[in-house]
């Protein structure tokens, strides 16, 4: 049974590999393996909802992606959400182009009657790329130290966008920017 859906922004292979390197270092140290185990792909979540009809989103996302160019990204800092999930993440520099990209996607969905939750509204969305989930509280500082040793900033491009169902993570579709063919 699905617990939700998310529209995710994916990276060029070099940037994706840099994020995977962080996942693997944390896994080798047995701090966090959840993202690897769930077969997630490094991403920034642009929108998420506990329930929606994926077929309603496919044409919206396909049309939106076809009008986009690769989006420059620079992960410049490490952050954390110390809550029930104890998430560690890389934060992209919040450029105007990234913020407008997410806002325009939400506007396109709103035009089709899709409700945008509070966390994804233009004035409250916080972009980040998770590198660890469910980090044990006793190992949180160690995990932050490991990530601090990454050579930041890590630069690259967002190249495609997709819809996943979770949990477990299952990609329903994805589209490369500037192209109307599925990725």
N, C-alpha and C. Protein backbone atom coordinates (compact mmCIF):
# COMPACT_ATOMS: atom_id res chain seq x y z
N UNK A 1 0.85 -1.19 0.00
CA UNK A 1 0.00 0.00 0.00
C UNK A 1 0.89 1.24 0.00
N UNK A 2 0.57 2.15 -0.88
CA UNK A 2 1.35 3.38 -1.00
C UNK A 2 1.10 4.30 0.19
N UNK A 3 2.16 4.96 0.65
CA UNK A 3 1.98 5.96 1.68
C UNK A 3 2.12 7.37 1.11
N UNK A 4 2.33 7.45 -0.22
CA UNK A 4 2.38 8.75 -0.83
C UNK A 4 3.07 8.76 -2.17
N UNK A 5 3.12 9.97 -2.74
CA UNK A 5 3.74 10.21 -4.03
C UNK A 5 4.60 11.45 -3.92
N UNK A 6 5.66 11.50 -4.73
CA UNK A 6 6.51 12.68 -4.73
C UNK A 6 7.02 12.95 -6.14
N UNK A 7 7.09 14.24 -6.49
CA UNK A 7 7.75 14.66 -7.71
C UNK A 7 9.16 15.03 -7.31
N UNK A 8 10.13 14.38 -7.98
CA UNK A 8 11.52 14.53 -7.59
C UNK A 8 12.35 15.10 -8.74
N UNK A 9 13.31 15.91 -8.36
CA UNK A 9 14.25 16.53 -9.28
C UNK A 9 15.54 15.72 -9.22
N UNK A 10 15.98 15.19 -10.38
CA UNK A 10 17.15 14.32 -10.45
C UNK A 10 18.35 15.04 -11.06
N UNK A 11 19.54 14.50 -10.79
CA UNK A 11 20.78 15.18 -11.10
C UNK A 11 21.54 14.51 -12.25
N UNK A 12 22.51 15.26 -12.78
CA UNK A 12 23.41 14.68 -13.78
C UNK A 12 24.22 13.57 -13.09
N UNK A 13 24.79 12.63 -13.87
CA UNK A 13 25.48 11.49 -13.27
C UNK A 13 26.61 11.87 -12.31
N UNK A 14 27.38 12.89 -12.62
CA UNK A 14 28.50 13.27 -11.74
C UNK A 14 28.00 13.77 -10.38
N UNK A 15 26.97 14.61 -10.39
CA UNK A 15 26.42 15.12 -9.14
C UNK A 15 25.74 14.00 -8.36
N UNK A 16 25.01 13.14 -9.07
CA UNK A 16 24.37 12.00 -8.41
C UNK A 16 25.42 11.13 -7.73
N UNK A 17 26.55 10.90 -8.39
CA UNK A 17 27.61 10.08 -7.80
C UNK A 17 28.21 10.72 -6.55
N UNK A 18 28.29 12.04 -6.51
CA UNK A 18 28.79 12.71 -5.30
C UNK A 18 27.85 12.48 -4.12
N UNK A 19 26.55 12.53 -4.38
CA UNK A 19 25.57 12.28 -3.31
C UNK A 19 25.65 10.81 -2.89
N UNK A 20 25.74 9.90 -3.87
CA UNK A 20 25.84 8.48 -3.55
C UNK A 20 27.09 8.17 -2.72
N UNK A 21 28.16 8.92 -2.97
CA UNK A 21 29.38 8.75 -2.19
C UNK A 21 29.09 9.02 -0.70
N UNK A 22 28.33 10.07 -0.42
CA UNK A 22 27.95 10.37 0.97
C UNK A 22 27.09 9.24 1.55
N UNK A 23 26.12 8.75 0.77
CA UNK A 23 25.29 7.64 1.23
C UNK A 23 26.16 6.44 1.59
N UNK A 24 27.13 6.13 0.71
CA UNK A 24 27.97 4.95 0.91
C UNK A 24 28.91 5.08 2.11
N UNK A 25 29.46 6.27 2.33
CA UNK A 25 30.32 6.48 3.50
C UNK A 25 29.51 6.26 4.77
N UNK A 26 28.31 6.80 4.82
CA UNK A 26 27.46 6.62 6.01
C UNK A 26 27.04 5.16 6.18
N UNK A 27 26.84 4.46 5.07
CA UNK A 27 26.47 3.04 5.14
C UNK A 27 27.67 2.20 5.63
N UNK A 28 28.86 2.48 5.11
CA UNK A 28 30.06 1.72 5.53
C UNK A 28 30.31 1.89 7.03
N UNK A 29 30.00 3.05 7.54
CA UNK A 29 30.19 3.30 8.97
C UNK A 29 29.00 2.81 9.79
N UNK A 30 28.03 2.20 9.11
CA UNK A 30 26.82 1.66 9.73
C UNK A 30 26.05 2.72 10.52
N UNK A 31 26.02 3.92 9.94
CA UNK A 31 25.25 5.01 10.54
C UNK A 31 23.85 5.03 9.95
N UNK A 32 23.76 4.90 8.61
CA UNK A 32 22.46 4.92 7.95
C UNK A 32 22.55 4.23 6.59
N UNK A 33 21.65 3.29 6.36
CA UNK A 33 21.59 2.58 5.08
C UNK A 33 20.21 2.66 4.44
N UNK A 34 19.30 3.36 5.08
CA UNK A 34 17.90 3.33 4.65
C UNK A 34 17.69 3.80 3.21
N UNK A 35 18.34 4.87 2.78
CA UNK A 35 18.13 5.38 1.42
C UNK A 35 18.61 4.37 0.39
N UNK A 36 19.70 3.68 0.68
CA UNK A 36 20.21 2.65 -0.22
C UNK A 36 19.25 1.46 -0.24
N UNK A 37 18.83 1.03 0.94
CA UNK A 37 17.94 -0.14 1.04
C UNK A 37 16.60 0.08 0.36
N UNK A 38 16.08 1.30 0.45
CA UNK A 38 14.78 1.56 -0.18
C UNK A 38 14.90 1.83 -1.68
N UNK A 39 16.14 1.78 -2.18
CA UNK A 39 16.43 1.99 -3.59
C UNK A 39 15.96 3.36 -4.08
N UNK A 40 16.13 4.33 -3.21
CA UNK A 40 15.84 5.71 -3.60
C UNK A 40 16.93 6.17 -4.56
N UNK A 41 16.69 7.29 -5.19
CA UNK A 41 17.67 7.89 -6.09
C UNK A 41 17.94 9.30 -5.54
N UNK A 42 19.20 9.76 -5.54
CA UNK A 42 19.45 11.11 -5.04
C UNK A 42 18.55 12.12 -5.75
N UNK A 43 17.94 13.01 -4.96
CA UNK A 43 16.95 13.93 -5.53
C UNK A 43 16.66 15.08 -4.57
N UNK A 44 15.94 16.06 -5.11
CA UNK A 44 15.31 17.12 -4.32
C UNK A 44 13.82 16.94 -4.54
N UNK A 45 13.05 16.84 -3.46
CA UNK A 45 11.60 16.70 -3.58
C UNK A 45 10.98 18.06 -3.89
N UNK A 46 10.25 18.11 -5.00
CA UNK A 46 9.59 19.35 -5.43
C UNK A 46 8.15 19.43 -4.94
N UNK A 47 7.54 18.27 -4.70
CA UNK A 47 6.14 18.19 -4.31
C UNK A 47 5.89 16.80 -3.76
N UNK A 48 5.05 16.70 -2.75
CA UNK A 48 4.68 15.40 -2.21
C UNK A 48 3.25 15.46 -1.72
N UNK A 49 2.57 14.32 -1.83
CA UNK A 49 1.17 14.24 -1.40
C UNK A 49 0.88 12.81 -0.96
N UNK A 50 0.08 12.66 0.10
CA UNK A 50 -0.27 11.31 0.53
C UNK A 50 -1.19 10.59 -0.46
N UNK A 51 -1.91 11.37 -1.25
CA UNK A 51 -2.81 10.73 -2.22
C UNK A 51 -3.01 11.64 -3.43
N UNK A 52 -2.95 11.03 -4.58
CA UNK A 52 -3.25 11.72 -5.83
C UNK A 52 -3.37 10.67 -6.92
N UNK A 53 -3.81 11.09 -8.07
CA UNK A 53 -3.94 10.18 -9.21
C UNK A 53 -2.74 10.42 -10.13
N UNK A 54 -1.78 9.47 -10.16
CA UNK A 54 -0.56 9.68 -10.95
C UNK A 54 -0.82 10.04 -12.41
N UNK A 55 -1.86 9.47 -13.00
CA UNK A 55 -2.13 9.77 -14.41
C UNK A 55 -2.48 11.24 -14.62
N UNK A 56 -3.00 11.91 -13.59
CA UNK A 56 -3.29 13.34 -13.70
C UNK A 56 -2.01 14.16 -13.80
N UNK A 57 -0.93 13.64 -13.21
CA UNK A 57 0.32 14.39 -13.19
C UNK A 57 1.21 14.14 -14.39
N UNK A 58 1.05 13.00 -15.04
CA UNK A 58 2.01 12.63 -16.09
C UNK A 58 2.11 13.68 -17.19
N UNK A 59 0.99 14.12 -17.74
CA UNK A 59 1.04 15.12 -18.82
C UNK A 59 1.54 16.47 -18.32
N UNK A 60 1.20 16.82 -17.09
CA UNK A 60 1.67 18.09 -16.51
C UNK A 60 3.20 18.08 -16.42
N UNK A 61 3.73 17.00 -15.84
CA UNK A 61 5.17 16.90 -15.64
C UNK A 61 5.90 16.78 -16.98
N UNK A 62 5.34 16.00 -17.90
CA UNK A 62 5.96 15.83 -19.22
C UNK A 62 6.04 17.17 -19.96
N UNK A 63 4.94 17.91 -19.96
CA UNK A 63 4.92 19.21 -20.63
C UNK A 63 5.88 20.19 -19.95
N UNK A 64 5.88 20.20 -18.62
CA UNK A 64 6.75 21.09 -17.87
C UNK A 64 8.22 20.78 -18.18
N UNK A 65 8.59 19.49 -18.13
CA UNK A 65 9.98 19.08 -18.37
C UNK A 65 10.44 19.44 -19.77
N UNK A 66 9.54 19.33 -20.74
CA UNK A 66 9.92 19.58 -22.13
C UNK A 66 10.34 21.04 -22.36
N UNK A 67 9.91 21.94 -21.47
CA UNK A 67 10.21 23.36 -21.62
C UNK A 67 11.41 23.80 -20.78
N UNK A 68 12.05 22.84 -20.08
CA UNK A 68 13.14 23.19 -19.17
C UNK A 68 14.50 22.92 -19.78
N UNK A 69 15.49 23.62 -19.26
CA UNK A 69 16.89 23.39 -19.60
C UNK A 69 17.56 22.85 -18.34
N UNK A 70 18.72 22.18 -18.47
CA UNK A 70 19.42 21.74 -17.26
C UNK A 70 19.56 22.89 -16.27
N UNK A 71 19.30 22.60 -15.02
CA UNK A 71 19.25 23.61 -13.97
C UNK A 71 20.51 23.50 -13.10
N UNK A 72 21.35 24.54 -13.07
CA UNK A 72 22.56 24.49 -12.25
C UNK A 72 22.22 24.34 -10.77
N UNK A 73 22.95 23.46 -10.09
CA UNK A 73 22.78 23.26 -8.65
C UNK A 73 24.14 23.29 -7.98
N UNK A 74 24.17 23.81 -6.77
CA UNK A 74 25.38 23.81 -5.98
C UNK A 74 25.00 23.46 -4.54
N UNK A 75 25.36 22.23 -4.12
CA UNK A 75 25.12 21.84 -2.74
C UNK A 75 26.24 22.43 -1.91
N UNK A 76 25.88 23.40 -1.06
CA UNK A 76 26.91 24.19 -0.39
C UNK A 76 26.95 24.02 1.12
N UNK A 77 25.97 23.30 1.69
CA UNK A 77 25.99 23.12 3.14
C UNK A 77 25.29 21.82 3.52
N UNK A 78 25.52 21.43 4.78
CA UNK A 78 24.93 20.22 5.35
C UNK A 78 23.91 20.68 6.38
N UNK A 79 22.78 19.99 6.44
CA UNK A 79 21.76 20.33 7.41
C UNK A 79 21.13 19.09 8.01
N UNK A 80 20.26 19.32 8.98
CA UNK A 80 19.60 18.18 9.61
C UNK A 80 18.20 18.57 10.07
N UNK A 81 17.37 17.56 10.12
CA UNK A 81 16.04 17.67 10.72
C UNK A 81 16.05 16.67 11.87
N UNK A 82 16.19 17.16 13.07
CA UNK A 82 16.25 16.28 14.22
C UNK A 82 14.84 16.08 14.75
N UNK A 83 14.13 15.19 14.07
CA UNK A 83 12.76 14.87 14.47
C UNK A 83 12.64 13.36 14.52
N UNK A 84 11.45 12.84 14.31
CA UNK A 84 11.25 11.40 14.36
C UNK A 84 12.10 10.66 13.34
N UNK A 85 12.42 11.28 12.19
CA UNK A 85 13.17 10.60 11.14
C UNK A 85 14.66 10.86 11.18
N UNK A 86 15.11 11.84 11.97
CA UNK A 86 16.53 12.18 12.06
C UNK A 86 17.20 12.16 10.69
N UNK A 87 16.86 13.15 9.87
CA UNK A 87 17.34 13.24 8.50
C UNK A 87 18.54 14.17 8.41
N UNK A 88 19.55 13.74 7.66
CA UNK A 88 20.68 14.59 7.32
C UNK A 88 20.60 14.86 5.82
N UNK A 89 20.97 16.07 5.41
CA UNK A 89 20.83 16.42 4.00
C UNK A 89 21.88 17.41 3.55
N UNK A 90 22.02 17.49 2.21
CA UNK A 90 22.80 18.52 1.57
C UNK A 90 21.82 19.59 1.11
N UNK A 91 22.21 20.84 1.31
CA UNK A 91 21.33 21.95 0.93
C UNK A 91 21.86 22.64 -0.31
N UNK A 92 21.03 22.75 -1.35
CA UNK A 92 21.48 23.52 -2.51
C UNK A 92 21.40 25.01 -2.21
N UNK A 93 22.32 25.75 -2.78
CA UNK A 93 22.21 27.20 -2.70
C UNK A 93 20.86 27.57 -3.33
N UNK A 94 20.00 28.28 -2.58
CA UNK A 94 18.65 28.56 -3.09
C UNK A 94 18.64 29.69 -4.13
N UNK A 95 19.03 29.35 -5.35
CA UNK A 95 19.07 30.34 -6.43
C UNK A 95 17.66 30.70 -6.87
N UNK A 96 17.54 31.85 -7.48
CA UNK A 96 16.25 32.29 -8.01
C UNK A 96 15.73 31.28 -9.04
N UNK A 97 16.64 30.74 -9.87
CA UNK A 97 16.19 29.79 -10.90
C UNK A 97 15.63 28.51 -10.27
N UNK A 98 16.23 28.02 -9.19
CA UNK A 98 15.71 26.82 -8.51
C UNK A 98 14.35 27.12 -7.87
N UNK A 99 14.25 28.24 -7.19
CA UNK A 99 12.99 28.59 -6.53
C UNK A 99 11.87 28.82 -7.56
N UNK A 100 12.20 29.48 -8.67
CA UNK A 100 11.20 29.70 -9.72
C UNK A 100 10.79 28.38 -10.38
N UNK A 101 11.74 27.48 -10.56
CA UNK A 101 11.46 26.18 -11.17
C UNK A 101 10.37 25.47 -10.36
N UNK A 102 10.58 25.37 -9.05
CA UNK A 102 9.62 24.67 -8.20
C UNK A 102 8.28 25.42 -8.17
N UNK A 103 8.32 26.72 -8.12
CA UNK A 103 7.10 27.53 -8.09
C UNK A 103 6.30 27.36 -9.39
N UNK A 104 6.98 27.35 -10.53
CA UNK A 104 6.30 27.19 -11.82
C UNK A 104 5.67 25.81 -11.95
N UNK A 105 6.36 24.78 -11.43
CA UNK A 105 5.78 23.44 -11.44
C UNK A 105 4.50 23.41 -10.61
N UNK A 106 4.54 23.99 -9.42
CA UNK A 106 3.35 24.02 -8.57
C UNK A 106 2.23 24.82 -9.22
N UNK A 107 2.56 25.92 -9.89
CA UNK A 107 1.54 26.71 -10.60
C UNK A 107 0.88 25.87 -11.69
N UNK A 108 1.69 25.08 -12.43
CA UNK A 108 1.14 24.23 -13.48
C UNK A 108 0.20 23.18 -12.89
N UNK A 109 0.54 22.65 -11.72
CA UNK A 109 -0.32 21.66 -11.07
C UNK A 109 -1.60 22.30 -10.55
N UNK A 110 -1.47 23.50 -9.97
CA UNK A 110 -2.65 24.21 -9.46
C UNK A 110 -3.66 24.47 -10.57
N UNK A 111 -3.16 24.83 -11.77
CA UNK A 111 -4.04 25.08 -12.92
C UNK A 111 -4.87 23.86 -13.27
N UNK A 112 -4.35 22.68 -12.93
CA UNK A 112 -5.06 21.42 -13.20
C UNK A 112 -5.84 20.94 -11.98
N UNK A 113 -5.98 21.82 -10.97
CA UNK A 113 -6.79 21.50 -9.80
C UNK A 113 -6.12 20.63 -8.76
N UNK A 114 -4.80 20.52 -8.81
CA UNK A 114 -4.08 19.71 -7.82
C UNK A 114 -3.71 20.61 -6.65
N UNK A 115 -4.09 20.18 -5.46
CA UNK A 115 -3.84 20.94 -4.25
C UNK A 115 -2.36 20.87 -3.86
N UNK A 116 -1.77 22.02 -3.59
CA UNK A 116 -0.37 22.10 -3.17
C UNK A 116 -0.37 22.29 -1.66
N UNK A 117 0.19 21.34 -0.94
CA UNK A 117 0.24 21.41 0.52
C UNK A 117 1.12 22.56 1.00
N UNK A 118 0.98 22.88 2.27
CA UNK A 118 1.71 24.00 2.85
C UNK A 118 3.23 23.89 2.69
N UNK A 119 3.78 22.68 2.81
CA UNK A 119 5.24 22.51 2.75
C UNK A 119 5.82 22.82 1.37
N UNK A 120 4.97 22.85 0.34
CA UNK A 120 5.47 23.04 -1.03
C UNK A 120 5.01 24.35 -1.66
N UNK A 121 4.36 25.20 -0.86
CA UNK A 121 4.00 26.53 -1.36
C UNK A 121 5.27 27.36 -1.55
N UNK A 122 5.18 28.32 -2.44
CA UNK A 122 6.33 29.16 -2.81
C UNK A 122 7.00 29.79 -1.58
N UNK A 123 6.23 30.17 -0.60
CA UNK A 123 6.79 30.88 0.55
C UNK A 123 7.28 29.95 1.67
N UNK A 124 7.16 28.63 1.49
CA UNK A 124 7.57 27.75 2.58
C UNK A 124 8.41 26.54 2.15
N UNK A 125 8.57 26.30 0.85
CA UNK A 125 9.33 25.14 0.38
C UNK A 125 10.81 25.30 0.71
N UNK A 126 11.40 24.24 1.25
CA UNK A 126 12.82 24.22 1.58
C UNK A 126 13.46 23.09 0.77
N UNK A 127 14.30 23.44 -0.22
CA UNK A 127 14.93 22.40 -1.02
C UNK A 127 16.08 21.73 -0.27
N UNK A 128 16.13 20.41 -0.35
CA UNK A 128 17.25 19.67 0.22
C UNK A 128 17.34 18.29 -0.42
N UNK A 129 18.51 17.68 -0.31
CA UNK A 129 18.76 16.34 -0.83
C UNK A 129 19.17 15.45 0.35
N UNK A 130 18.30 14.54 0.74
CA UNK A 130 18.57 13.67 1.88
C UNK A 130 19.80 12.79 1.60
N UNK A 131 20.66 12.66 2.61
CA UNK A 131 21.79 11.74 2.52
C UNK A 131 21.72 10.66 3.60
N UNK A 132 20.85 10.82 4.58
CA UNK A 132 20.67 9.80 5.62
C UNK A 132 19.31 10.01 6.29
N UNK A 133 18.66 8.90 6.60
CA UNK A 133 17.40 8.93 7.35
C UNK A 133 17.51 7.99 8.52
N UNK A 134 16.73 8.27 9.54
CA UNK A 134 16.70 7.43 10.74
C UNK A 134 18.08 7.24 11.34
N UNK A 135 18.82 8.33 11.40
CA UNK A 135 20.15 8.29 12.02
C UNK A 135 19.94 8.14 13.53
N UNK A 136 20.57 7.13 14.14
CA UNK A 136 20.43 6.98 15.60
C UNK A 136 20.91 8.25 16.30
N UNK A 137 20.15 8.70 17.28
CA UNK A 137 20.49 9.94 17.99
C UNK A 137 21.92 9.93 18.51
N UNK A 138 22.37 8.79 18.99
CA UNK A 138 23.71 8.69 19.56
C UNK A 138 24.81 8.84 18.50
N UNK A 139 24.44 8.72 17.21
CA UNK A 139 25.45 8.80 16.13
C UNK A 139 25.26 10.04 15.26
N UNK A 140 24.36 10.92 15.66
CA UNK A 140 24.05 12.11 14.88
C UNK A 140 25.29 12.99 14.69
N UNK A 141 26.01 13.25 15.75
CA UNK A 141 27.20 14.12 15.66
C UNK A 141 28.26 13.48 14.78
N UNK A 142 28.44 12.16 14.91
CA UNK A 142 29.41 11.46 14.07
C UNK A 142 29.03 11.59 12.60
N UNK A 143 27.75 11.42 12.30
CA UNK A 143 27.28 11.53 10.92
C UNK A 143 27.51 12.95 10.38
N UNK A 144 27.25 13.96 11.18
CA UNK A 144 27.49 15.33 10.75
C UNK A 144 28.98 15.56 10.47
N UNK A 145 29.84 14.98 11.29
CA UNK A 145 31.29 15.12 11.07
C UNK A 145 31.71 14.45 9.77
N UNK A 146 31.13 13.29 9.47
CA UNK A 146 31.44 12.61 8.22
C UNK A 146 31.05 13.50 7.03
N UNK A 147 29.87 14.08 7.10
CA UNK A 147 29.40 14.93 5.99
C UNK A 147 30.18 16.23 5.91
N UNK A 148 30.63 16.72 7.05
CA UNK A 148 31.43 17.95 7.06
C UNK A 148 32.71 17.76 6.26
N UNK A 149 33.20 16.52 6.20
CA UNK A 149 34.43 16.23 5.48
C UNK A 149 34.25 16.18 3.96
N UNK A 150 33.00 16.26 3.49
CA UNK A 150 32.78 16.34 2.03
C UNK A 150 33.39 17.64 1.53
N UNK A 151 33.87 17.60 0.33
CA UNK A 151 34.44 18.82 -0.25
C UNK A 151 33.30 19.62 -0.87
N UNK A 152 32.72 20.52 -0.08
CA UNK A 152 31.63 21.36 -0.56
C UNK A 152 32.20 22.68 -1.04
N UNK A 153 31.60 23.33 -2.01
CA UNK A 153 30.34 22.93 -2.64
C UNK A 153 30.54 21.80 -3.66
N UNK A 154 29.46 21.07 -3.88
CA UNK A 154 29.39 20.05 -4.91
C UNK A 154 28.46 20.62 -5.98
N UNK A 155 28.97 20.75 -7.20
CA UNK A 155 28.21 21.42 -8.26
C UNK A 155 27.79 20.45 -9.35
N UNK A 156 26.69 20.77 -9.99
CA UNK A 156 26.21 19.97 -11.11
C UNK A 156 24.91 20.55 -11.64
N UNK A 157 24.12 19.67 -12.23
CA UNK A 157 22.87 20.11 -12.86
C UNK A 157 21.74 19.16 -12.53
N UNK A 158 20.54 19.73 -12.43
CA UNK A 158 19.32 18.92 -12.43
C UNK A 158 19.00 18.68 -13.90
N UNK A 159 18.74 17.42 -14.24
CA UNK A 159 18.58 17.05 -15.65
C UNK A 159 17.21 16.46 -15.99
N UNK A 160 16.52 15.91 -14.99
CA UNK A 160 15.22 15.32 -15.25
C UNK A 160 14.36 15.35 -14.00
N UNK A 161 13.11 15.00 -14.20
CA UNK A 161 12.11 15.10 -13.16
C UNK A 161 11.23 13.85 -13.25
N UNK A 162 10.81 13.34 -12.10
CA UNK A 162 10.00 12.14 -12.13
C UNK A 162 9.02 12.06 -10.98
N UNK A 163 8.11 11.11 -11.09
CA UNK A 163 7.13 10.85 -10.04
C UNK A 163 7.42 9.48 -9.46
N UNK A 164 7.50 9.42 -8.13
CA UNK A 164 7.68 8.15 -7.44
C UNK A 164 6.52 7.91 -6.49
N UNK A 165 6.28 6.64 -6.26
CA UNK A 165 5.35 6.20 -5.23
C UNK A 165 6.23 5.67 -4.10
N UNK A 166 5.78 5.89 -2.87
CA UNK A 166 6.56 5.38 -1.74
C UNK A 166 5.62 4.92 -0.64
N UNK A 167 6.04 4.18 0.23
CA UNK A 167 7.14 3.29 0.42
C UNK A 167 6.68 1.88 0.08
N UNK A 168 7.45 1.04 -0.55
CA UNK A 168 8.81 1.29 -1.01
C UNK A 168 8.82 2.25 -2.20
N UNK A 169 10.00 2.78 -2.50
CA UNK A 169 10.14 3.73 -3.60
C UNK A 169 10.01 2.99 -4.93
N UNK A 170 9.13 3.52 -5.78
CA UNK A 170 8.96 2.95 -7.12
C UNK A 170 8.72 4.11 -8.07
N UNK A 171 9.62 4.27 -9.05
CA UNK A 171 9.47 5.34 -10.02
C UNK A 171 8.34 5.00 -10.97
N UNK A 172 7.40 5.93 -11.13
CA UNK A 172 6.27 5.72 -12.04
C UNK A 172 6.57 6.25 -13.42
N UNK A 173 7.27 7.39 -13.50
CA UNK A 173 7.73 7.95 -14.77
C UNK A 173 8.75 9.03 -14.49
N UNK A 174 9.56 9.33 -15.52
CA UNK A 174 10.48 10.47 -15.44
C UNK A 174 10.70 11.01 -16.83
N UNK A 175 11.05 12.28 -16.89
CA UNK A 175 11.25 12.97 -18.17
C UNK A 175 12.51 13.81 -18.10
N UNK A 176 13.32 13.73 -19.14
CA UNK A 176 14.54 14.52 -19.28
C UNK A 176 14.13 15.93 -19.71
N UNK A 177 14.82 16.93 -19.21
CA UNK A 177 14.51 18.31 -19.58
C UNK A 177 14.72 18.54 -21.07
N UNK A 178 13.82 19.32 -21.64
CA UNK A 178 13.94 19.70 -23.04
C UNK A 178 13.62 18.58 -24.00
N UNK A 179 13.02 17.51 -23.51
CA UNK A 179 12.78 16.33 -24.32
C UNK A 179 11.39 15.79 -23.96
N UNK A 180 10.65 15.36 -24.95
CA UNK A 180 9.32 14.83 -24.67
C UNK A 180 9.30 13.31 -24.57
N UNK A 181 10.50 12.69 -24.55
CA UNK A 181 10.60 11.23 -24.46
C UNK A 181 10.90 10.85 -23.01
N UNK A 182 10.29 9.75 -22.54
CA UNK A 182 10.53 9.31 -21.16
C UNK A 182 11.99 8.97 -20.93
N UNK A 183 12.45 9.25 -19.71
CA UNK A 183 13.84 8.92 -19.34
C UNK A 183 13.96 7.44 -19.02
